[in-house]
Amino acid sequence: MQKNGPLALAFNALVITFMLAPLLVVCIVAFTPHNTLTLPTTEFSLRWFRAVFEHPDFVQSFWNSLWLALASATLATVLAVPAGIAITRHEFPGRGFLNGLFLSPLIIPHLVLGVALLRLFALIGGTGSFGWLVAAHALIVTPYTLRLVVAALVGFDRSAEHAALSLGASQATVFTRVTLPMILPGVTGGWMLAFINSFDEVTMSIFVTSPSTVTLPVRMYMYATESIDPLMAAVSALMVALTACAMVLLDRVYGLDRVLVGRK
């Protein structure tokens, strides 16, 4: 295989530095002992990390975001898998419309979706309901899961399915024992992408959350409009650390290659 030259390596290093520099700066700022957003030069402090846990609103908002992302990503996956199978394997009237309907949240601004969902929830009495909030998030993250599921199904070799059917396996058994394991990297990757987008969603969530269901991004936005202290940097640093730990743990326990690429 041809190796990358010095110019290509330097370019890759610059791109990686450009992507990681903001995260590093935010994480360093989180350790400042001062009351403003400053880079610590002579001393470091955990003051603002302690302040995060002293704000019960942030802790509750984190759990709201976590459960919301888990529920909406799972719901999106449950919808995307059968929809992806129908779209890729069957010809039926309205197939293109169904595909476009599932992908339409990608092209509609979340601000518009937020206003529309706020009006809808007000009409049906769903304002402030966590269940309707899950449905709203599932609506905007389903396209991400669907695209990865469809990508996993395109070019799918169905000979293993036909062999299982010829040996007397039911359709349900073929799906759970043959089809699902073979498309698991696409399904898992779609679920993870949906989880990330749901957890980070702020524009639409501002309109549909209630005081009891405020998510962490919305809470951070509300706090940032009122204060400029490094508390937000501490929250961001904690989220970066938590994400890194989760990825390392997943890699150690199961393997990221098996989850995202499908390697044995």
C-alpha atoms as a PDB file:
ATOM      1  CA  MET A   1       0.000   0.000   0.000  1.00  0.00           C
ATOM      2  CA  GLN A   2       1.163   3.529  -0.780  1.00  0.00           C
ATOM      3  CA  LYS A   3       2.157   5.487   2.300  1.00  0.00           C
ATOM      4  CA  ASN A   4       1.184   9.065   2.970  1.00  0.00           C
ATOM      5  CA  GLY A   5       3.889  11.582   2.235  1.00  0.00           C
ATOM      6  CA  PRO A   6       5.069  14.330   4.582  1.00  0.00           C
ATOM      7  CA  LEU A   7       2.701  16.861   3.002  1.00  0.00           C
ATOM      8  CA  ALA A   8      -0.324  14.607   3.474  1.00  0.00           C
ATOM      9  CA  LEU A   9       0.661  13.841   7.079  1.00  0.00           C
ATOM     10  CA  ALA A  10       1.123  17.537   7.817  1.00  0.00           C
ATOM     11  CA  PHE A  11      -2.279  18.343   6.325  1.00  0.00           C
ATOM     12  CA  ASN A  12      -3.945  15.584   8.377  1.00  0.00           C
ATOM     13  CA  ALA A  13      -2.228  16.876  11.510  1.00  0.00           C
ATOM     14  CA  LEU A  14      -3.506  20.408  10.822  1.00  0.00           C
ATOM     15  CA  VAL A  15      -7.068  19.155  10.290  1.00  0.00           C
ATOM     16  CA  ILE A  16      -6.991  17.132  13.527  1.00  0.00           C
ATOM     17  CA  THR A  17      -5.526  20.086  15.411  1.00  0.00           C
ATOM     18  CA  PHE A  18      -8.202  22.393  14.008  1.00  0.00           C
ATOM     19  CA  MET A  19     -10.927  19.983  15.145  1.00  0.00           C
ATOM     20  CA  LEU A  20      -9.539  19.298  18.618  1.00  0.00           C
ATOM     21  CA  ALA A  21      -8.236  22.755  19.524  1.00  0.00           C
ATOM     22  CA  PRO A  22     -11.636  24.167  20.640  1.00  0.00           C
ATOM     23  CA  LEU A  23     -12.217  21.141  22.876  1.00  0.00           C
ATOM     24  CA  LEU A  24      -8.782  21.464  24.441  1.00  0.00           C
ATOM     25  CA  VAL A  25      -9.238  25.182  25.069  1.00  0.00           C
ATOM     26  CA  VAL A  26     -12.630  24.621  26.716  1.00  0.00           C
ATOM     27  CA  CYS A  27     -11.242  21.847  28.910  1.00  0.00           C
ATOM     28  CA  ILE A  28      -8.308  24.027  30.011  1.00  0.00           C
ATOM     29  CA  VAL A  29     -10.563  27.004  30.746  1.00  0.00           C
ATOM     30  CA  ALA A  30     -12.671  24.756  33.003  1.00  0.00           C
ATOM     31  CA  PHE A  31      -9.751  24.534  35.444  1.00  0.00           C
ATOM     32  CA  THR A  32      -9.428  28.275  35.966  1.00  0.00           C
ATOM     33  CA  PRO A  33      -9.855  29.552  39.541  1.00  0.00           C
ATOM     34  CA  HIS A  34     -11.087  32.941  38.317  1.00  0.00           C
ATOM     35  CA  ASN A  35     -14.644  34.192  37.881  1.00  0.00           C
ATOM     36  CA  THR A  36     -14.303  34.811  34.155  1.00  0.00           C
ATOM     37  CA  LEU A  37     -13.393  32.753  31.106  1.00  0.00           C
ATOM     38  CA  THR A  38      -9.600  32.874  31.332  1.00  0.00           C
ATOM     39  CA  LEU A  39      -6.840  30.403  30.617  1.00  0.00           C
ATOM     40  CA  PRO A  40      -5.120  29.326  33.845  1.00  0.00           C
ATOM     41  CA  THR A  41      -1.403  30.045  33.665  1.00  0.00           C
ATOM     42  CA  THR A  42       0.008  29.643  37.164  1.00  0.00           C
ATOM     43  CA  GLU A  43      -2.611  27.672  39.067  1.00  0.00           C
ATOM     44  CA  PHE A  44      -5.432  25.259  38.412  1.00  0.00           C
ATOM     45  CA  SER A  45      -8.608  24.698  40.383  1.00  0.00           C
ATOM     46  CA  LEU A  46     -11.539  22.272  40.523  1.00  0.00           C
ATOM     47  CA  ARG A  47     -13.777  25.072  41.732  1.00  0.00           C
ATOM     48  CA  TRP A  48     -16.101  25.078  38.737  1.00  0.00           C
ATOM     49  CA  PHE A  49     -16.393  21.306  38.617  1.00  0.00           C
ATOM     50  CA  ARG A  50     -17.619  21.342  42.217  1.00  0.00           C
ATOM     51  CA  ALA A  51     -20.006  24.144  41.259  1.00  0.00           C
ATOM     52  CA  VAL A  52     -21.601  21.931  38.596  1.00  0.00           C
ATOM     53  CA  PHE A  53     -22.615  19.307  41.143  1.00  0.00           C
ATOM     54  CA  GLU A  54     -23.798  22.015  43.521  1.00  0.00           C
ATOM     55  CA  HIS A  55     -26.409  23.028  40.914  1.00  0.00           C
ATOM     56  CA  PRO A  56     -29.154  20.360  41.108  1.00  0.00           C
ATOM     57  CA  ASP A  57     -30.747  21.812  37.983  1.00  0.00           C
ATOM     58  CA  PHE A  58     -27.758  20.751  35.878  1.00  0.00           C
ATOM     59  CA  VAL A  59     -27.705  17.257  37.372  1.00  0.00           C
ATOM     60  CA  GLN A  60     -31.424  16.784  36.747  1.00  0.00           C
ATOM     61  CA  SER A  61     -31.103  18.165  33.219  1.00  0.00           C
ATOM     62  CA  PHE A  62     -28.313  15.693  32.508  1.00  0.00           C
ATOM     63  CA  TRP A  63     -30.520  12.772  33.516  1.00  0.00           C
ATOM     64  CA  ASN A  64     -33.377  14.208  31.461  1.00  0.00           C
ATOM     65  CA  SER A  65     -31.117  14.369  28.401  1.00  0.00           C
ATOM     66  CA  LEU A  66     -29.731  10.880  29.001  1.00  0.00           C
ATOM     67  CA  TRP A  67     -33.103   9.156  29.317  1.00  0.00           C
ATOM     68  CA  LEU A  68     -34.519  11.223  26.464  1.00  0.00           C
ATOM     69  CA  ALA A  69     -31.654  10.304  24.153  1.00  0.00           C
ATOM     70  CA  LEU A  70     -31.880   6.618  25.074  1.00  0.00           C
ATOM     71  CA  ALA A  71     -35.634   6.495  24.503  1.00  0.00           C
ATOM     72  CA  SER A  72     -35.686   8.535  21.293  1.00  0.00           C
ATOM     73  CA  ALA A  73     -32.728   6.685  19.737  1.00  0.00           C
ATOM     74  CA  THR A  74     -34.332   3.328  20.542  1.00  0.00           C
ATOM     75  CA  LEU A  75     -37.689   4.438  19.149  1.00  0.00           C
ATOM     76  CA  ALA A  76     -35.996   5.777  16.020  1.00  0.00           C
ATOM     77  CA  THR A  77     -34.202   2.455  15.525  1.00  0.00           C
ATOM     78  CA  VAL A  78     -37.415   0.470  15.986  1.00  0.00           C
ATOM     79  CA  LEU A  79     -39.012   2.598  13.258  1.00  0.00           C
ATOM     80  CA  ALA A  80     -35.983   2.728  10.952  1.00  0.00           C
ATOM     81  CA  VAL A  81     -35.256  -1.016  10.708  1.00  0.00           C
ATOM     82  CA  PRO A  82     -38.631  -2.145   9.275  1.00  0.00           C
ATOM     83  CA  ALA A  83     -38.860   1.031   7.188  1.00  0.00           C
ATOM     84  CA  GLY A  84     -35.395   0.409   5.762  1.00  0.00           C
ATOM     85  CA  ILE A  85     -36.253  -3.201   4.919  1.00  0.00           C
ATOM     86  CA  ALA A  86     -39.479  -2.127   3.201  1.00  0.00           C
ATOM     87  CA  ILE A  87     -37.778   0.623   1.206  1.00  0.00           C
ATOM     88  CA  THR A  88     -34.805  -1.448   0.033  1.00  0.00           C
ATOM     89  CA  ARG A  89     -36.480  -4.798  -0.631  1.00  0.00           C
ATOM     90  CA  HIS A  90     -40.010  -4.104  -1.834  1.00  0.00           C
ATOM     91  CA  GLU A  91     -41.653  -2.180  -4.640  1.00  0.00           C
ATOM     92  CA  PHE A  92     -45.009  -0.686  -3.663  1.00  0.00           C
ATOM     93  CA  PRO A  93     -47.026   2.453  -4.399  1.00  0.00           C
ATOM     94  CA  GLY A  94     -45.798   5.350  -2.310  1.00  0.00           C
ATOM     95  CA  ARG A  95     -42.331   3.888  -1.733  1.00  0.00           C
ATOM     96  CA  GLY A  96     -40.613   7.113  -2.744  1.00  0.00           C
ATOM     97  CA  PHE A  97     -43.062   9.159  -0.693  1.00  0.00           C
ATOM     98  CA  LEU A  98     -42.383   7.015   2.387  1.00  0.00           C
ATOM     99  CA  ASN A  99     -38.637   7.424   1.957  1.00  0.00           C
ATOM    100  CA  GLY A 100     -38.989  11.170   1.542  1.00  0.00           C
ATOM    101  CA  LEU A 101     -41.316  11.402   4.533  1.00  0.00           C
ATOM    102  CA  PHE A 102     -38.815   9.710   6.829  1.00  0.00           C
ATOM    103  CA  LEU A 103     -35.952  11.896   5.567  1.00  0.00           C
ATOM    104  CA  SER A 104     -37.876  15.189   5.507  1.00  0.00           C
ATOM    105  CA  PRO A 105     -36.757  16.296   9.019  1.00  0.00           C
ATOM    106  CA  LEU A 106     -33.245  16.652   7.580  1.00  0.00           C
ATOM    107  CA  ILE A 107     -34.266  19.561   5.350  1.00  0.00           C
ATOM    108  CA  ILE A 108     -36.725  21.305   7.677  1.00  0.00           C
ATOM    109  CA  PRO A 109     -35.072  23.794  10.064  1.00  0.00           C
ATOM    110  CA  HIS A 110     -35.361  22.686  13.668  1.00  0.00           C
ATOM    111  CA  LEU A 111     -36.646  26.136  14.537  1.00  0.00           C
ATOM    112  CA  VAL A 112     -39.652  25.544  12.285  1.00  0.00           C
ATOM    113  CA  LEU A 113     -40.132  22.055  13.704  1.00  0.00           C
ATOM    114  CA  GLY A 114     -39.988  23.433  17.234  1.00  0.00           C
ATOM    115  CA  VAL A 115     -42.701  26.022  16.582  1.00  0.00           C
ATOM    116  CA  ALA A 116     -44.885  23.479  14.752  1.00  0.00           C
ATOM    117  CA  LEU A 117     -44.527  20.863  17.485  1.00  0.00           C
ATOM    118  CA  LEU A 118     -45.234  23.457  20.176  1.00  0.00           C
ATOM    119  CA  ARG A 119     -48.496  24.325  18.433  1.00  0.00           C
ATOM    120  CA  LEU A 120     -49.364  20.641  17.958  1.00  0.00           C
ATOM    121  CA  PHE A 121     -48.681  19.747  21.591  1.00  0.00           C
ATOM    122  CA  ALA A 122     -50.773  22.708  22.733  1.00  0.00           C
ATOM    123  CA  LEU A 123     -53.714  21.467  20.652  1.00  0.00           C
ATOM    124  CA  ILE A 124     -53.554  17.861  21.871  1.00  0.00           C
ATOM    125  CA  GLY A 125     -52.652  18.679  25.471  1.00  0.00           C
ATOM    126  CA  GLY A 126     -49.187  17.194  25.276  1.00  0.00           C
ATOM    127  CA  THR A 127     -47.244  20.240  26.453  1.00  0.00           C
ATOM    128  CA  GLY A 128     -44.763  19.285  29.166  1.00  0.00           C
ATOM    129  CA  SER A 129     -45.155  15.541  28.591  1.00  0.00           C
ATOM    130  CA  PHE A 130     -41.916  13.554  28.530  1.00  0.00           C
ATOM    131  CA  GLY A 131     -43.502  10.987  26.227  1.00  0.00           C
ATOM    132  CA  TRP A 132     -44.330  13.580  23.594  1.00  0.00           C
ATOM    133  CA  LEU A 133     -40.822  15.014  23.979  1.00  0.00           C
ATOM    134  CA  VAL A 134     -39.436  11.567  23.168  1.00  0.00           C
ATOM    135  CA  ALA A 135     -41.664  11.430  20.077  1.00  0.00           C
ATOM    136  CA  ALA A 136     -40.434  14.866  18.978  1.00  0.00           C
ATOM    137  CA  HIS A 137     -36.790  13.851  19.308  1.00  0.00           C
ATOM    138  CA  ALA A 138     -37.420  10.529  17.571  1.00  0.00           C
ATOM    139  CA  LEU A 139     -38.899  12.487  14.679  1.00  0.00           C
ATOM    140  CA  ILE A 140     -35.696  14.426  14.050  1.00  0.00           C
ATOM    141  CA  VAL A 141     -33.198  11.588  14.638  1.00  0.00           C
ATOM    142  CA  THR A 142     -34.947   8.818  12.684  1.00  0.00           C
ATOM    143  CA  PRO A 143     -33.445   9.969   9.332  1.00  0.00           C
ATOM    144  CA  TYR A 144     -29.903   9.391  10.642  1.00  0.00           C
ATOM    145  CA  THR A 145     -30.714   5.854  11.717  1.00  0.00           C
ATOM    146  CA  LEU A 146     -32.643   5.120   8.525  1.00  0.00           C
ATOM    147  CA  ARG A 147     -29.792   6.142   6.246  1.00  0.00           C
ATOM    148  CA  LEU A 148     -27.327   3.822   7.985  1.00  0.00           C
ATOM    149  CA  VAL A 149     -29.820   0.955   8.028  1.00  0.00           C
ATOM    150  CA  VAL A 150     -30.530   1.425   4.321  1.00  0.00           C
ATOM    151  CA  ALA A 151     -26.785   1.546   3.615  1.00  0.00           C
ATOM    152  CA  ALA A 152     -26.350  -1.753   5.467  1.00  0.00           C
ATOM    153  CA  LEU A 153     -29.187  -3.356   3.497  1.00  0.00           C
ATOM    154  CA  VAL A 154     -28.080  -2.166   0.055  1.00  0.00           C
ATOM    155  CA  GLY A 155     -26.159  -4.987  -1.613  1.00  0.00           C
ATOM    156  CA  PHE A 156     -27.107  -7.346   1.215  1.00  0.00           C
ATOM    157  CA  ASP A 157     -26.458 -10.966   0.234  1.00  0.00           C
ATOM    158  CA  ARG A 158     -29.725 -12.773   0.935  1.00  0.00           C
ATOM    159  CA  SER A 159     -28.389 -16.286   0.290  1.00  0.00           C
ATOM    160  CA  ALA A 160     -28.052 -16.925   4.042  1.00  0.00           C
ATOM    161  CA  GLU A 161     -31.689 -15.907   4.515  1.00  0.00           C
ATOM    162  CA  HIS A 162     -32.832 -18.207   1.707  1.00  0.00           C
ATOM    163  CA  ALA A 163     -30.802 -21.067   3.179  1.00  0.00           C
ATOM    164  CA  ALA A 164     -32.399 -20.578   6.593  1.00  0.00           C
ATOM    165  CA  LEU A 165     -35.887 -20.470   5.066  1.00  0.00           C
ATOM    166  CA  SER A 166     -35.223 -23.628   3.067  1.00  0.00           C
ATOM    167  CA  LEU A 167     -34.244 -25.393   6.299  1.00  0.00           C
ATOM    168  CA  GLY A 168     -37.589 -24.546   7.890  1.00  0.00           C
ATOM    169  CA  ALA A 169     -36.824 -21.389   9.846  1.00  0.00           C
ATOM    170  CA  SER A 170     -39.645 -18.913  10.260  1.00  0.00           C
ATOM    171  CA  GLN A 171     -39.471 -15.325   9.046  1.00  0.00           C
ATOM    172  CA  ALA A 172     -39.065 -14.105  12.622  1.00  0.00           C
ATOM    173  CA  THR A 173     -36.200 -16.551  13.233  1.00  0.00           C
ATOM    174  CA  VAL A 174     -34.482 -15.544  10.000  1.00  0.00           C
ATOM    175  CA  PHE A 175     -34.677 -11.896  10.954  1.00  0.00           C
ATOM    176  CA  THR A 176     -33.403 -12.319  14.523  1.00  0.00           C
ATOM    177  CA  ARG A 177     -30.769 -14.986  13.802  1.00  0.00           C
ATOM    178  CA  VAL A 178     -29.561 -14.055  10.301  1.00  0.00           C
ATOM    179  CA  THR A 179     -30.615 -10.619   9.029  1.00  0.00           C
ATOM    180  CA  LEU A 180     -30.221  -8.548  12.191  1.00  0.00           C
ATOM    181  CA  PRO A 181     -26.734  -9.838  13.087  1.00  0.00           C
ATOM    182  CA  MET A 182     -25.519  -9.110   9.548  1.00  0.00           C
ATOM    183  CA  ILE A 183     -26.813  -5.526   9.528  1.00  0.00           C
ATOM    184  CA  LEU A 184     -25.978  -4.918  13.201  1.00  0.00           C
ATOM    185  CA  PRO A 185     -23.088  -2.497  12.478  1.00  0.00           C
ATOM    186  CA  GLY A 186     -25.451  -0.234  10.514  1.00  0.00           C
ATOM    187  CA  VAL A 187     -28.182  -0.500  13.135  1.00  0.00           C
ATOM    188  CA  THR A 188     -25.772   0.153  16.006  1.00  0.00           C
ATOM    189  CA  GLY A 189     -24.108   3.035  14.210  1.00  0.00           C
ATOM    190  CA  GLY A 190     -27.504   4.530  13.451  1.00  0.00           C
ATOM    191  CA  TRP A 191     -28.579   4.186  17.075  1.00  0.00           C
ATOM    192  CA  MET A 192     -25.406   5.876  18.287  1.00  0.00           C
ATOM    193  CA  LEU A 193     -25.780   8.705  15.791  1.00  0.00           C
ATOM    194  CA  ALA A 194     -29.411   9.178  16.831  1.00  0.00           C
ATOM    195  CA  PHE A 195     -28.401   9.177  20.504  1.00  0.00           C
ATOM    196  CA  ILE A 196     -25.743  11.846  19.942  1.00  0.00           C
ATOM    197  CA  ASN A 197     -28.051  14.088  17.927  1.00  0.00           C
ATOM    198  CA  SER A 198     -30.861  13.741  20.451  1.00  0.00           C
ATOM    199  CA  PHE A 199     -28.577  14.464  23.400  1.00  0.00           C
ATOM    200  CA  ASP A 200     -27.158  17.582  21.710  1.00  0.00           C
ATOM    201  CA  GLU A 201     -30.443  18.930  20.319  1.00  0.00           C
ATOM    202  CA  VAL A 202     -31.201  22.425  21.586  1.00  0.00           C
ATOM    203  CA  THR A 203     -33.053  24.468  18.936  1.00  0.00           C
ATOM    204  CA  MET A 204     -36.191  22.355  18.800  1.00  0.00           C
ATOM    205  CA  SER A 205     -36.030  21.373  22.476  1.00  0.00           C
ATOM    206  CA  ILE A 206     -36.312  24.991  23.605  1.00  0.00           C
ATOM    207  CA  PHE A 207     -39.896  25.063  22.315  1.00  0.00           C
ATOM    208  CA  VAL A 208     -41.155  21.689  23.550  1.00  0.00           C
ATOM    209  CA  THR A 209     -39.545  21.250  26.968  1.00  0.00           C
ATOM    210  CA  SER A 210     -41.217  22.167  30.235  1.00  0.00           C
ATOM    211  CA  PRO A 211     -39.619  23.178  33.563  1.00  0.00           C
ATOM    212  CA  SER A 212     -39.597  19.507  34.616  1.00  0.00           C
ATOM    213  CA  THR A 213     -38.156  18.178  31.326  1.00  0.00           C
ATOM    214  CA  VAL A 214     -35.457  20.740  30.535  1.00  0.00           C
ATOM    215  CA  THR A 215     -32.542  19.022  28.805  1.00  0.00           C
ATOM    216  CA  LEU A 216     -28.886  19.720  29.483  1.00  0.00           C
ATOM    217  CA  PRO A 217     -28.240  21.685  26.246  1.00  0.00           C
ATOM    218  CA  VAL A 218     -31.278  23.862  26.933  1.00  0.00           C
ATOM    219  CA  ARG A 219     -30.163  24.373  30.537  1.00  0.00           C
ATOM    220  CA  MET A 220     -26.703  25.380  29.325  1.00  0.00           C
ATOM    221  CA  TYR A 221     -28.196  27.797  26.817  1.00  0.00           C
ATOM    222  CA  MET A 222     -30.398  29.367  29.484  1.00  0.00           C
ATOM    223  CA  TYR A 223     -27.467  29.722  31.880  1.00  0.00           C
ATOM    224  CA  ALA A 224     -25.127  31.114  29.201  1.00  0.00           C
ATOM    225  CA  THR A 225     -27.581  33.922  28.426  1.00  0.00           C
ATOM    226  CA  GLU A 226     -27.403  35.079  32.040  1.00  0.00           C
ATOM    227  CA  SER A 227     -23.786  34.493  33.058  1.00  0.00           C
ATOM    228  CA  ILE A 228     -20.286  34.384  31.567  1.00  0.00           C
ATOM    229  CA  ASP A 229     -18.530  32.431  34.308  1.00  0.00           C
ATOM    230  CA  PRO A 230     -16.561  29.226  33.497  1.00  0.00           C
ATOM    231  CA  LEU A 231     -19.333  26.938  34.722  1.00  0.00           C
ATOM    232  CA  MET A 232     -20.314  26.127  31.142  1.00  0.00           C
ATOM    233  CA  ALA A 233     -16.713  25.206  30.371  1.00  0.00           C
ATOM    234  CA  ALA A 234     -16.734  22.797  33.317  1.00  0.00           C
ATOM    235  CA  VAL A 235     -19.965  21.187  32.116  1.00  0.00           C
ATOM    236  CA  SER A 236     -18.517  20.845  28.616  1.00  0.00           C
ATOM    237  CA  ALA A 237     -15.298  19.322  29.952  1.00  0.00           C
ATOM    238  CA  LEU A 238     -17.286  16.793  31.974  1.00  0.00           C
ATOM    239  CA  MET A 239     -19.273  15.817  28.889  1.00  0.00           C
ATOM    240  CA  VAL A 240     -16.085  15.388  26.852  1.00  0.00           C
ATOM    241  CA  ALA A 241     -14.581  13.213  29.588  1.00  0.00           C
ATOM    242  CA  LEU A 242     -17.763  11.164  29.923  1.00  0.00           C
ATOM    243  CA  THR A 243     -17.945  10.587  26.174  1.00  0.00           C
ATOM    244  CA  ALA A 244     -14.292   9.553  26.015  1.00  0.00           C
ATOM    245  CA  CYS A 245     -14.732   7.119  28.913  1.00  0.00           C
ATOM    246  CA  ALA A 246     -17.836   5.627  27.307  1.00  0.00           C
ATOM    247  CA  MET A 247     -16.015   5.075  24.008  1.00  0.00           C
ATOM    248  CA  VAL A 248     -13.003   3.488  25.732  1.00  0.00           C
ATOM    249  CA  LEU A 249     -15.269   1.228  27.796  1.00  0.00           C
ATOM    250  CA  LEU A 250     -17.244   0.186  24.727  1.00  0.00           C
ATOM    251  CA  ASP A 251     -14.015  -0.561  22.883  1.00  0.00           C
ATOM    252  CA  ARG A 252     -12.671  -2.651  25.781  1.00  0.00           C
ATOM    253  CA  VAL A 253     -15.874  -4.584  26.417  1.00  0.00           C
ATOM    254  CA  TYR A 254     -17.182  -5.130  22.897  1.00  0.00           C
ATOM    255  CA  GLY A 255     -14.884  -3.428  20.389  1.00  0.00           C
ATOM    256  CA  LEU A 256     -15.628  -0.372  18.282  1.00  0.00           C
ATOM    257  CA  ASP A 257     -14.652  -2.265  15.131  1.00  0.00           C
ATOM    258  CA  ARG A 258     -17.366  -4.843  15.809  1.00  0.00           C
ATOM    259  CA  VAL A 259     -19.961  -2.180  16.543  1.00  0.00           C
ATOM    260  CA  LEU A 260     -19.276   0.256  13.712  1.00  0.00           C
ATOM    261  CA  VAL A 261     -17.557  -1.856  11.050  1.00  0.00           C
ATOM    262  CA  GLY A 262     -18.768  -5.360  11.777  1.00  0.00           C
ATOM    263  CA  ARG A 263     -15.352  -6.956  12.191  1.00  0.00           C
ATOM    264  CA  LYS A 264     -15.150 -10.196  14.131  1.00  0.00           C
END
